[in-house]
Amino acid sequence: MQREKKKYLFDILQFINSIQEFTKEIKSYSEFKNNNVVFRAAERELEIIGKLINRIKKTDSNIVISNSSKIIALRNRLAHDYENINDDIIWGIIKNHLSPLKSEIENLLTQP
């Protein structure tokens, strides 16, 4: 795998770790929604993850990331249509989809 793509994957992993660190003490959606700093930080990190996955997808179709189209679509909505984002979707992504994405990225990073 090219060095640039490995860098993108490594960066995605770092952003996932950041989101998990930001939210590790938050136990409920209402607590998450009421913590504006954590909420906005998590949104921004998800936006960047989407941007990086889009770069990977455009440069190497051999790298397969589950739900990449949905992740990119989320990024586009966060960047361009943020007022129509349902906040509980962000919470659901963090609670249900971030860990599987992390495992997938970690596996991709182990490939030559």
Protein backbone atom coordinates (compact mmCIF):
# COMPACT_ATOMS: atom_id res chain seq x y z
CA MET A 1 0.00 0.00 0.00
CA GLN A 2 1.28 3.44 -0.88
CA ARG A 3 2.62 5.59 1.89
CA GLU A 4 0.02 8.34 1.28
CA LYS A 5 -2.88 5.92 1.71
CA LYS A 6 -1.34 4.48 4.87
CA LYS A 7 -1.09 8.03 6.20
CA TYR A 8 -4.79 8.60 5.48
CA LEU A 9 -5.68 5.36 7.26
CA PHE A 10 -3.46 6.23 10.21
CA ASP A 11 -5.07 9.68 10.42
CA ILE A 12 -8.56 8.12 10.34
CA LEU A 13 -7.54 5.86 13.21
CA GLN A 14 -6.29 8.87 15.19
CA PHE A 15 -9.56 10.74 14.63
CA ILE A 16 -11.56 7.70 15.74
CA ASN A 17 -9.41 7.47 18.87
CA SER A 18 -10.02 11.16 19.54
CA ILE A 19 -13.79 10.76 19.30
CA GLN A 20 -13.68 7.76 21.59
CA GLU A 21 -11.55 9.71 24.07
CA PHE A 22 -13.90 12.74 23.95
CA THR A 23 -16.94 10.58 24.61
CA LYS A 24 -15.64 7.90 26.95
CA GLU A 25 -17.25 9.42 30.05
CA ILE A 26 -20.51 10.33 28.32
CA LYS A 27 -23.18 7.71 28.97
CA SER A 28 -26.32 9.08 27.33
CA TYR A 29 -27.50 10.94 24.26
CA SER A 30 -28.81 13.85 26.35
CA GLU A 31 -25.46 14.19 28.11
CA PHE A 32 -23.74 14.16 24.71
CA LYS A 33 -26.12 16.69 23.19
CA ASN A 34 -25.77 19.02 26.18
CA ASN A 35 -21.96 19.00 26.01
CA ASN A 36 -21.54 21.36 23.08
CA VAL A 37 -17.74 21.18 23.03
CA VAL A 38 -17.66 17.39 22.83
CA PHE A 39 -20.56 17.30 20.38
CA ARG A 40 -18.93 19.79 17.99
CA ALA A 41 -15.53 18.14 18.32
CA ALA A 42 -16.99 14.74 17.45
CA GLU A 43 -18.86 16.22 14.47
CA ARG A 44 -15.66 17.80 13.18
CA GLU A 45 -13.68 14.59 13.54
CA LEU A 46 -16.41 12.66 11.68
CA GLU A 47 -16.29 15.26 8.93
CA ILE A 48 -12.54 14.82 8.54
CA ILE A 49 -12.87 11.01 8.55
CA GLY A 50 -15.34 11.31 5.69
CA LYS A 51 -12.97 13.56 3.76
CA LEU A 52 -10.08 11.12 4.18
CA ILE A 53 -12.17 8.12 3.17
CA ASN A 54 -13.26 10.05 0.09
CA ARG A 55 -9.60 10.66 -0.80
CA ILE A 56 -8.81 6.97 -0.38
CA LYS A 57 -11.80 5.93 -2.47
CA LYS A 58 -10.84 8.32 -5.28
CA THR A 59 -7.21 7.20 -5.40
CA ASP A 60 -7.45 3.45 -4.82
CA SER A 61 -10.58 1.42 -5.51
CA ASN A 62 -8.80 -1.68 -4.16
CA ILE A 63 -9.06 -0.38 -0.60
CA VAL A 64 -12.52 -1.34 0.58
CA ILE A 65 -14.01 0.36 3.62
CA SER A 66 -17.48 -0.75 4.68
CA ASN A 67 -20.10 1.97 4.44
CA SER A 68 -17.64 4.33 2.78
CA SER A 69 -20.42 5.91 0.72
CA LYS A 70 -22.48 6.56 3.85
CA ILE A 71 -19.46 8.00 5.67
CA ILE A 72 -18.74 10.33 2.74
CA ALA A 73 -22.41 11.33 2.57
CA LEU A 74 -22.34 12.17 6.28
CA ARG A 75 -19.25 14.28 5.71
CA ASN A 76 -20.98 16.17 2.93
CA ARG A 77 -24.04 16.81 5.09
CA LEU A 78 -21.90 17.98 8.00
CA ALA A 79 -19.97 20.34 5.73
CA HIS A 80 -22.78 21.65 3.55
CA ASP A 81 -26.14 20.88 5.16
CA TYR A 82 -25.31 20.90 8.87
CA GLU A 83 -28.60 22.50 9.94
CA ASN A 84 -30.43 19.39 8.76
CA ILE A 85 -28.35 16.86 10.69
CA ASN A 86 -30.30 15.02 13.32
CA ASP A 87 -28.07 15.08 16.41
CA ASP A 88 -29.07 11.60 17.53
CA ILE A 89 -27.61 10.25 14.27
CA ILE A 90 -24.17 11.48 15.37
CA TRP A 91 -24.61 9.78 18.75
CA GLY A 92 -25.74 6.56 17.07
CA ILE A 93 -22.71 6.58 14.79
CA ILE A 94 -20.38 7.04 17.74
CA LYS A 95 -22.02 4.31 19.81
CA ASN A 96 -22.72 1.75 17.08
CA HIS A 97 -20.44 2.25 14.11
CA LEU A 98 -17.16 3.78 15.26
CA SER A 99 -15.68 0.66 16.86
CA PRO A 100 -16.32 -1.56 13.81
CA LEU A 101 -14.79 1.14 11.58
CA LYS A 102 -11.78 1.31 13.90
CA SER A 103 -11.26 -2.45 13.63
CA GLU A 104 -11.53 -2.27 9.87
CA ILE A 105 -8.99 0.55 9.64
CA GLU A 106 -6.60 -1.26 11.99
CA ASN A 107 -6.84 -4.35 9.75
CA LEU A 108 -6.15 -2.27 6.63
CA LEU A 109 -3.08 -0.76 8.31
CA THR A 110 -1.60 -4.23 8.82
CA GLN A 111 -1.74 -5.00 5.11
CA PRO A 112 1.44 -4.51 3.07
